[in-house]
Structures are given as structure tokens and as C-alpha cells.
Amino acid sequence: MIKSILKFVGAGVLGMAISAQAAELRPGHPSSYNVKEGDTLWDISSTFLSDPWLWPELWHVNPQIDNPHLIYPGDTIKLVYIDGEPAFEIQRGPKTIKYKAGDTVKLTPHARITPLDTVIPAIPLEYIQPFLVNNRVLELEELEAAPYIVAGDESHILMGAGDFAYARGDFSNPERAYGIYRKGIMYVDPESEEILGTGAEDIGIARFENVEGDIARLKVQSSTSDARIDDRLLPTEERRVDSTFYPKAPKMDVDGQIIHVFSGVRNVSQWNVVVINRGEREGIEVGDVLAIFTKGEVVKDRNTNERIQLPDHRRGIMMVFRTFEKVSYGLILRSSAPLKVLDSVRNP
């Protein structure tokens, strides 16, 4: 098994040389890889490296390249050796450029003009897309203090897009639109028993129409499921939704646990989305990669009749893709055996 410092270099305008932390080449790695549609950076780096999250650590920006993280179908990545050191060389392949109405195109020498939707993503985005915008984690007090639906037109108890709803609460400074949310799971730290927040499931969007006293009339503009009586109204969240992720090792020591899995299954596996009991308060950042450890069993030593605790064993890898104050959402990228709630998450 080869251990050495990897460098990425390219020829001509694609050349880049870097100094990175030591990374380990995977046994049986190929000498080259042709990038194809459907690939992710995680897939590609797993082909070459034992620790795929070290991939971003290997890039240094060449001034002639806008963003060296951008890899496209048709490109070829080759493993070469320079002065005895392994290095990666990227050869740009044929460009398939897909323009949409309204695209602005500026042609410059040696420039690749390609919309971002053709770029190879870091991880499979289809598994996390709903969680980037549709869910929030709030303090219980904030959710309970929000205006709530009391009725629909003609005494309807279920409301969909196009229906009108009535809500009660503080509308002294009304918003033009409100997000409709439903109270979800309360997240509690399994050790300290601290309440870490309450999940709020996104149901849809309602447009404010008018108000009399503390009763407002709203029109449901869109919904992922029927709005119900007691659903809460919150100002629509204005934040930058970043779907570009660069997996990396955390900057600090992490020692947390999985406290929830969204799929509702008992065993957690690859591509499941989980919640961990660590967030921005503990310095967790988007892109942090964490190793998942299952607690070792308690067994009996038949020689001494003692009950002993076996060591924890590592069974998976996850990446944080959204953070809140006290919890974070993560995607399971790899699992060698079924994982479960209360498994530990630590530095990889």
C-alpha cells in the first residue's frame, strides 16, 4: 500500500501543482479514469483514494482556472509519477455545452464556457435536495409562538394550493408570504437530555391577504401536502442554499451521536439522511466528514467471569450538508454494516 503526498498537476493551461496532506492510494487503484455523466467527486476519489474526503485537500487553484473543483463528463484523470511522487493529471475531454434561454456567453481564449448543471457534483444531490430547503430546526418556543391555522374556507380542515385559510396570531407587521410548517420531532441530547431544537416540516407557502384583529386570511400558493389546522406560519426563510459541497475533515475534535434518521427505518444505511447532536455551537461546518462508530458489545470473560466492554468499531462515513445551532443534517456516504441511532460520530 502506497502512502505519499499526492499532487495534482496538469498540462498547459490546466496545469496545477499543490502540496497537500498525506493521502493513501487505494489498493488496486486504476492508472486513469474517464469521467462520465452520473459520476460524483466522491465516486471518483473513492476509485483512487482510501480516504475520499481528502480529495478537496489536494486542489490548489491555478490562476488560469476559475475553479479547479469543476470536473466534467468526458474529462480524464490520470495517475502519473513526477520525480517519483504520485500525481494526478487532468485532461479535458470533448465539451458538451448546453445553454438555456437567458444564458450570457462570453468567449475568451482557453476558457471553458459551460453551465454549472453539467459539472460533476461532489455527492449525489438527489438524496439531500429536499432537506436543503424543506426542513428547519427551531427552538420550541419560537414554533409555538408563531401564528397558526384555525380553519379553512367553508370549514375545510385540509387545504391545498388555491385554497384559503384563516390563521390566528401576531400579524401587526405582516409578511407578504409565509411558510407553512408542521411541528415535527423534538431533538434531545441522549446524554445531557438538553433539548436541542424542534424539527419543523415544510408544508408549503401561503400569501397574506388581509387581517382583522388577530385573524388573518391567507391563500395557499403551493404545498407538498395538505395544510391542516394548527400548522404554523413562519416568515419565509431567506438564506443562500449551497448545493456545492467539498468534503473535508473537521477543524476540531468531534464526539457526537446520531439522534434521528429521516427514513423512519431502524437500521441506517448508505444515502440515508441523519441528524447528529452537534451543530454550529460546536463548530460543525458544512462539508465536515465524520466517521461513524458502533458501540462495542458487553461480553462475559469466561476465564474471569467478568463482564467487559468491547471497543467501539468503525462502520461508516457521513458528511454534514446542513447545520443549525445545536444539530446538523448529514448524509451517510459509506457503511460496511447496518448503523443505528445512538451510534457515535467522530473525526475520520
Protein backbone atom coordinates (compact mmCIF):
# COMPACT_ATOMS: atom_id res chain seq x y z
CA MET A 1 0.00 0.00 0.00
CA ILE A 2 1.41 3.32 -1.05
CA LYS A 3 1.44 6.28 1.31
CA SER A 4 2.64 9.57 -0.02
CA ILE A 5 1.83 13.16 -0.64
CA LEU A 6 -0.32 13.47 -3.74
CA LYS A 7 -0.14 16.39 -6.07
CA PHE A 8 -2.49 17.42 -8.82
CA VAL A 9 -0.75 18.79 -11.90
CA GLY A 10 -1.95 19.36 -15.42
CA ALA A 11 -0.52 20.28 -18.77
CA GLY A 12 -0.72 23.73 -20.36
CA VAL A 13 -3.46 25.97 -19.02
CA LEU A 14 -4.81 23.06 -16.93
CA GLY A 15 -1.57 22.64 -15.02
CA MET A 16 -1.75 22.79 -11.23
CA ALA A 17 0.76 21.69 -8.64
CA ILE A 18 -0.01 21.53 -4.97
CA SER A 19 1.28 20.42 -1.65
CA ALA A 20 -1.30 18.54 0.40
CA GLN A 21 -1.57 16.39 3.46
CA ALA A 22 -0.51 12.78 3.13
CA ALA A 23 -3.13 10.63 1.45
CA GLU A 24 -3.27 6.93 0.86
CA LEU A 25 -3.77 5.40 -2.57
CA ARG A 26 -6.36 2.67 -2.62
CA PRO A 27 -5.06 -0.86 -3.32
CA GLY A 28 -5.83 -1.84 -6.91
CA HIS A 29 -6.41 1.77 -7.98
CA PRO A 30 -6.56 2.41 -11.73
CA SER A 31 -3.98 4.41 -13.68
CA SER A 32 -6.69 6.60 -15.21
CA TYR A 33 -10.41 7.27 -15.01
CA ASN A 34 -12.77 8.62 -17.67
CA VAL A 35 -15.39 10.87 -16.11
CA LYS A 36 -18.95 10.12 -17.20
CA GLU A 37 -22.40 11.52 -16.56
CA GLY A 38 -23.79 10.37 -13.22
CA ASP A 39 -20.39 10.35 -11.51
CA THR A 40 -19.68 12.31 -8.34
CA LEU A 41 -16.39 13.57 -6.96
CA TRP A 42 -16.92 11.13 -4.09
CA ASP A 43 -17.17 8.23 -6.56
CA ILE A 44 -14.07 9.31 -8.44
CA SER A 45 -11.95 9.96 -5.37
CA SER A 46 -13.05 6.61 -3.90
CA THR A 47 -11.61 4.98 -7.02
CA PHE A 48 -8.14 6.36 -6.27
CA LEU A 49 -8.03 7.10 -2.53
CA SER A 50 -8.65 5.12 0.64
CA ASP A 51 -9.94 8.31 2.27
CA PRO A 52 -12.10 10.03 -0.38
CA TRP A 53 -12.72 13.15 1.72
CA LEU A 54 -9.06 14.11 1.22
CA TRP A 55 -9.84 14.88 -2.42
CA PRO A 56 -10.55 18.61 -1.83
CA GLU A 57 -7.34 18.94 0.20
CA LEU A 58 -5.42 18.11 -2.97
CA TRP A 59 -6.60 21.06 -5.04
CA HIS A 60 -4.83 24.40 -5.29
CA VAL A 61 -6.30 26.99 -7.62
CA ASN A 62 -4.30 27.76 -10.76
CA PRO A 63 -4.86 31.42 -11.72
CA GLN A 64 -5.80 30.29 -15.22
CA ILE A 65 -8.62 28.08 -13.91
CA ASP A 66 -11.73 29.68 -12.43
CA ASN A 67 -12.50 26.70 -10.19
CA PRO A 68 -10.41 23.51 -10.29
CA HIS A 69 -13.16 21.66 -8.41
CA LEU A 70 -15.17 21.69 -11.61
CA ILE A 71 -14.86 18.36 -13.41
CA TYR A 72 -16.95 17.48 -16.41
CA PRO A 73 -18.11 14.34 -18.22
CA GLY A 74 -15.53 13.50 -20.86
CA ASP A 75 -12.56 14.60 -18.76
CA THR A 76 -9.86 12.04 -17.98
CA ILE A 77 -7.99 11.83 -14.68
CA LYS A 78 -4.63 10.07 -14.93
CA LEU A 79 -2.31 8.89 -12.19
CA VAL A 80 1.27 9.77 -13.15
CA TYR A 81 4.58 9.99 -11.31
CA ILE A 82 6.72 13.11 -11.18
CA ASP A 83 10.16 12.77 -9.58
CA GLY A 84 8.95 9.51 -8.07
CA GLU A 85 5.90 11.16 -6.48
CA PRO A 86 2.35 10.18 -7.49
CA ALA A 87 0.43 12.98 -9.15
CA PHE A 88 -2.91 13.44 -10.86
CA GLU A 89 -3.16 14.91 -14.33
CA ILE A 90 -6.47 16.13 -15.69
CA GLN A 91 -7.04 16.08 -19.42
CA ARG A 92 -10.07 17.97 -20.58
CA GLY A 93 -12.28 15.97 -22.90
CA PRO A 94 -14.84 17.00 -25.52
CA LYS A 95 -17.16 19.67 -24.20
CA THR A 96 -20.89 19.21 -24.32
CA ILE A 97 -22.29 22.68 -23.77
CA LYS A 98 -25.97 23.07 -23.01
CA TYR A 99 -27.24 26.62 -22.97
CA LYS A 100 -30.57 27.71 -21.61
CA ALA A 101 -32.65 30.73 -22.53
CA GLY A 102 -31.15 33.78 -20.89
CA ASP A 103 -27.60 32.42 -20.60
CA THR A 104 -24.88 35.01 -21.15
CA VAL A 105 -21.91 33.64 -23.05
CA LYS A 106 -18.50 35.32 -23.12
CA LEU A 107 -15.84 33.66 -25.23
CA THR A 108 -12.22 34.11 -24.15
CA PRO A 109 -9.03 32.24 -25.13
CA HIS A 110 -8.60 28.91 -23.34
CA ALA A 111 -11.91 29.34 -21.48
CA ARG A 112 -14.49 26.62 -20.98
CA ILE A 113 -17.95 28.16 -21.06
CA THR A 114 -20.31 25.56 -19.57
CA PRO A 115 -23.39 25.90 -17.35
CA LEU A 116 -22.92 24.58 -13.83
CA ASP A 117 -25.61 21.94 -14.28
CA THR A 118 -23.15 19.85 -16.35
CA VAL A 119 -20.50 19.85 -13.62
CA ILE A 120 -19.82 16.61 -11.74
CA PRO A 121 -21.26 17.13 -8.19
CA ALA A 122 -19.31 16.27 -5.05
CA ILE A 123 -22.03 13.93 -3.71
CA PRO A 124 -25.37 12.59 -5.04
CA LEU A 125 -27.59 15.64 -4.61
CA GLU A 126 -30.86 13.78 -5.19
CA TYR A 127 -30.67 12.30 -1.68
CA ILE A 128 -30.40 15.63 0.13
CA GLN A 129 -32.25 18.10 -2.11
CA PRO A 130 -35.48 18.04 -0.03
CA PHE A 131 -33.53 18.70 3.16
CA LEU A 132 -31.69 21.75 1.79
CA VAL A 133 -34.80 23.92 1.83
CA ASN A 134 -37.81 22.00 3.15
CA ASN A 135 -36.97 21.45 6.82
CA ARG A 136 -35.93 23.72 9.66
CA VAL A 137 -34.89 23.23 13.27
CA LEU A 138 -36.22 25.85 15.69
CA GLU A 139 -36.50 26.47 19.39
CA LEU A 140 -39.82 25.05 20.59
CA GLU A 141 -40.81 28.45 21.99
CA GLU A 142 -40.33 30.08 18.58
CA LEU A 143 -42.51 27.50 16.87
CA GLU A 144 -45.27 27.65 19.49
CA ALA A 145 -45.34 31.46 19.39
CA ALA A 146 -45.88 31.53 15.62
CA PRO A 147 -49.34 32.18 14.11
CA TYR A 148 -51.32 29.00 13.48
CA ILE A 149 -54.11 27.92 11.14
CA VAL A 150 -57.54 27.74 12.77
CA ALA A 151 -59.78 26.98 9.78
CA GLY A 152 -60.15 26.84 6.03
CA ASP A 153 -62.86 28.35 3.87
CA GLU A 154 -66.22 26.62 4.25
CA SER A 155 -64.97 24.85 7.39
CA HIS A 156 -62.36 22.85 5.49
CA ILE A 157 -59.85 21.13 7.73
CA LEU A 158 -57.45 20.29 4.87
CA MET A 159 -56.16 22.98 2.49
CA GLY A 160 -54.13 22.70 -0.70
CA ALA A 161 -52.85 25.06 -3.38
CA GLY A 162 -55.51 27.61 -4.31
CA ASP A 163 -57.46 27.24 -1.05
CA PHE A 164 -57.90 29.98 1.54
CA ALA A 165 -57.02 29.56 5.19
CA TYR A 166 -57.53 31.57 8.37
CA ALA A 167 -54.77 31.90 10.93
CA ARG A 168 -54.56 33.43 14.37
CA GLY A 169 -51.54 35.21 15.83
CA ASP A 170 -49.46 38.37 15.68
CA PHE A 171 -49.99 39.96 12.27
CA SER A 172 -49.17 43.53 13.35
CA ASN A 173 -46.35 43.60 10.78
CA PRO A 174 -47.49 41.03 8.24
CA GLU A 175 -45.17 39.40 5.71
CA ARG A 176 -46.13 39.15 2.04
CA ALA A 177 -45.78 35.38 2.26
CA TYR A 178 -45.43 32.80 5.00
CA GLY A 179 -44.05 29.30 5.05
CA ILE A 180 -46.49 26.72 6.38
CA TYR A 181 -44.79 24.36 8.83
CA ARG A 182 -45.85 21.38 10.91
CA LYS A 183 -44.30 20.56 14.25
CA GLY A 184 -42.06 17.51 13.98
CA ILE A 185 -39.70 15.60 16.21
CA MET A 186 -38.13 17.20 19.26
CA TYR A 187 -34.38 16.60 19.31
CA VAL A 188 -32.99 15.75 22.75
CA ASP A 189 -29.34 15.09 23.59
CA PRO A 190 -29.16 11.42 24.65
CA GLU A 191 -26.57 12.12 27.36
CA SER A 192 -27.24 15.62 28.76
CA GLU A 193 -31.00 15.49 27.98
CA GLU A 194 -30.73 19.07 26.69
CA ILE A 195 -33.47 19.98 24.22
CA LEU A 196 -31.54 20.77 21.03
CA GLY A 197 -34.45 22.02 18.93
CA THR A 198 -37.69 21.01 17.28
CA GLY A 199 -37.99 19.94 13.67
CA ALA A 200 -40.39 21.94 11.52
CA GLU A 201 -41.59 20.16 8.38
CA ASP A 202 -42.20 22.44 5.40
CA ILE A 203 -45.75 22.05 4.07
CA GLY A 204 -46.00 24.94 1.62
CA ILE A 205 -46.28 28.69 1.03
CA ALA A 206 -49.25 30.97 1.82
CA ARG A 207 -49.78 34.55 0.61
CA PHE A 208 -51.08 37.09 3.11
CA GLU A 209 -54.41 38.62 2.04
CA ASN A 210 -55.76 40.71 4.93
CA VAL A 211 -56.21 40.77 8.70
CA GLU A 212 -58.93 41.72 11.19
CA GLY A 213 -57.72 41.83 14.78
CA ASP A 214 -55.57 38.77 15.23
CA ILE A 215 -57.23 36.70 12.47
CA ALA A 216 -55.60 36.76 9.03
CA ARG A 217 -56.82 35.40 5.72
CA LEU A 218 -54.22 33.75 3.51
CA LYS A 219 -54.20 31.91 0.20
CA VAL A 220 -52.19 28.72 -0.09
CA GLN A 221 -49.88 29.24 -3.07
CA SER A 222 -48.15 25.85 -3.13
CA SER A 223 -47.98 22.78 -0.94
CA THR A 224 -46.17 19.47 -0.73
CA SER A 225 -49.06 18.05 1.32
CA ASP A 226 -52.36 19.36 2.63
CA ALA A 227 -52.14 22.13 5.21
CA ARG A 228 -54.02 21.36 8.43
CA ILE A 229 -55.48 23.12 11.43
CA ASP A 230 -52.71 24.04 13.92
CA ASP A 231 -49.99 24.16 11.24
CA ARG A 232 -47.69 27.11 11.97
CA LEU A 233 -46.84 30.14 9.83
CA LEU A 234 -43.28 31.41 9.74
CA PRO A 235 -41.70 34.15 7.63
CA THR A 236 -40.16 32.59 4.54
CA GLU A 237 -36.50 31.84 5.16
CA GLU A 238 -34.06 33.95 3.19
CA ARG A 239 -30.73 32.21 3.04
CA ARG A 240 -28.24 31.07 0.48
CA VAL A 241 -28.80 27.44 -0.42
CA ASP A 242 -25.47 25.97 -1.45
CA SER A 243 -25.62 22.69 -3.36
CA THR A 244 -21.86 22.59 -3.94
CA PHE A 245 -20.06 20.64 -1.24
CA TYR A 246 -16.39 19.91 -0.68
CA PRO A 247 -15.98 17.07 1.84
CA LYS A 248 -13.25 17.79 4.39
CA ALA A 249 -12.00 16.74 7.79
CA PRO A 250 -13.42 18.81 10.70
CA LYS A 251 -11.27 21.61 12.10
CA MET A 252 -11.84 20.48 15.68
CA ASP A 253 -12.35 17.28 17.64
CA VAL A 254 -15.89 15.96 17.29
CA ASP A 255 -17.57 13.50 19.61
CA GLY A 256 -21.30 13.22 19.00
CA GLN A 257 -24.09 10.80 18.19
CA ILE A 258 -26.72 10.09 15.56
CA ILE A 259 -30.04 11.04 17.17
CA HIS A 260 -32.51 10.66 14.29
CA VAL A 261 -32.84 9.11 10.83
CA PHE A 262 -35.36 10.62 8.40
CA SER A 263 -36.22 7.45 6.51
CA GLY A 264 -38.04 6.10 9.56
CA VAL A 265 -36.16 2.81 9.40
CA ARG A 266 -34.43 1.24 12.37
CA ASN A 267 -31.15 0.48 10.64
CA VAL A 268 -29.28 3.28 8.89
CA SER A 269 -27.51 2.61 5.60
CA GLN A 270 -25.82 4.38 2.69
CA TRP A 271 -27.60 7.51 1.38
CA ASN A 272 -29.84 7.84 4.46
CA VAL A 273 -30.09 11.34 5.95
CA VAL A 274 -29.48 11.55 9.70
CA VAL A 275 -29.42 14.17 12.44
CA ILE A 276 -26.48 14.45 14.84
CA ASN A 277 -26.39 16.19 18.23
CA ARG A 278 -23.66 18.63 17.20
CA GLY A 279 -24.11 21.91 15.35
CA GLU A 280 -22.74 25.40 14.77
CA ARG A 281 -22.36 25.86 18.53
CA GLU A 282 -19.74 23.09 18.49
CA GLY A 283 -18.03 24.40 15.35
CA ILE A 284 -19.56 21.92 12.89
CA GLU A 285 -19.40 23.14 9.29
CA VAL A 286 -21.00 22.11 6.01
CA GLY A 287 -18.73 19.57 4.33
CA ASP A 288 -17.33 18.08 7.54
CA VAL A 289 -16.79 14.34 7.15
CA LEU A 290 -17.29 12.20 10.25
CA ALA A 291 -16.59 8.54 10.94
CA ILE A 292 -19.43 6.51 12.47
CA PHE A 293 -18.67 4.07 15.27
CA THR A 294 -20.97 1.37 16.63
CA LYS A 295 -20.67 0.73 20.36
CA GLY A 296 -18.88 -2.48 21.21
CA GLU A 297 -20.87 -5.22 22.93
CA VAL A 298 -20.64 -6.12 26.58
CA VAL A 299 -19.47 -9.74 26.80
CA LYS A 300 -18.53 -12.14 29.54
CA ASP A 301 -14.91 -13.17 30.03
CA ARG A 302 -15.36 -16.88 30.66
CA ASN A 303 -11.98 -17.14 32.36
CA THR A 304 -12.61 -14.47 34.98
CA ASN A 305 -16.42 -14.31 34.94
CA GLU A 306 -16.11 -10.54 34.40
CA ARG A 307 -18.34 -8.59 32.03
CA ILE A 308 -16.16 -6.48 29.74
CA GLN A 309 -16.88 -3.76 27.21
CA LEU A 310 -15.54 -4.45 23.72
CA PRO A 311 -14.05 -1.46 21.84
CA ASP A 312 -16.24 0.58 19.51
CA HIS A 313 -15.77 -0.32 15.86
CA ARG A 314 -15.90 1.95 12.83
CA ARG A 315 -18.66 1.11 10.38
CA GLY A 316 -19.34 4.13 8.22
CA ILE A 317 -18.68 7.64 6.95
CA MET A 318 -21.08 10.59 6.77
CA MET A 319 -20.86 14.18 5.52
CA VAL A 320 -22.60 17.19 7.09
CA PHE A 321 -24.60 19.15 4.48
CA ARG A 322 -26.70 21.50 6.64
CA THR A 323 -26.08 22.95 10.09
CA PHE A 324 -28.25 24.52 12.78
CA GLU A 325 -27.25 25.91 16.16
CA LYS A 326 -27.26 22.62 18.09
CA VAL A 327 -27.84 19.88 15.48
CA SER A 328 -26.77 19.10 11.92
CA TYR A 329 -28.03 17.06 8.98
CA GLY A 330 -25.67 14.51 7.46
CA LEU A 331 -25.68 12.08 4.53
CA ILE A 332 -24.34 8.55 5.02
CA LEU A 333 -21.73 8.15 2.29
CA ARG A 334 -20.45 4.71 3.19
CA SER A 335 -21.45 1.89 5.53
CA SER A 336 -19.82 -1.51 5.94
CA ALA A 337 -22.65 -2.78 8.16
CA PRO A 338 -26.05 -1.51 9.36
CA LEU A 339 -25.81 1.63 11.50
CA LYS A 340 -28.32 2.85 14.05
CA VAL A 341 -29.46 5.78 16.15
CA LEU A 342 -27.07 6.49 19.05
CA ASP A 343 -24.02 5.34 17.07
CA SER A 344 -21.10 7.72 17.70
CA VAL A 345 -19.73 10.23 15.19
CA ARG A 346 -16.09 11.29 15.46
CA ASN A 347 -13.21 12.63 13.44
CA PRO A 348 -12.36 10.37 10.49
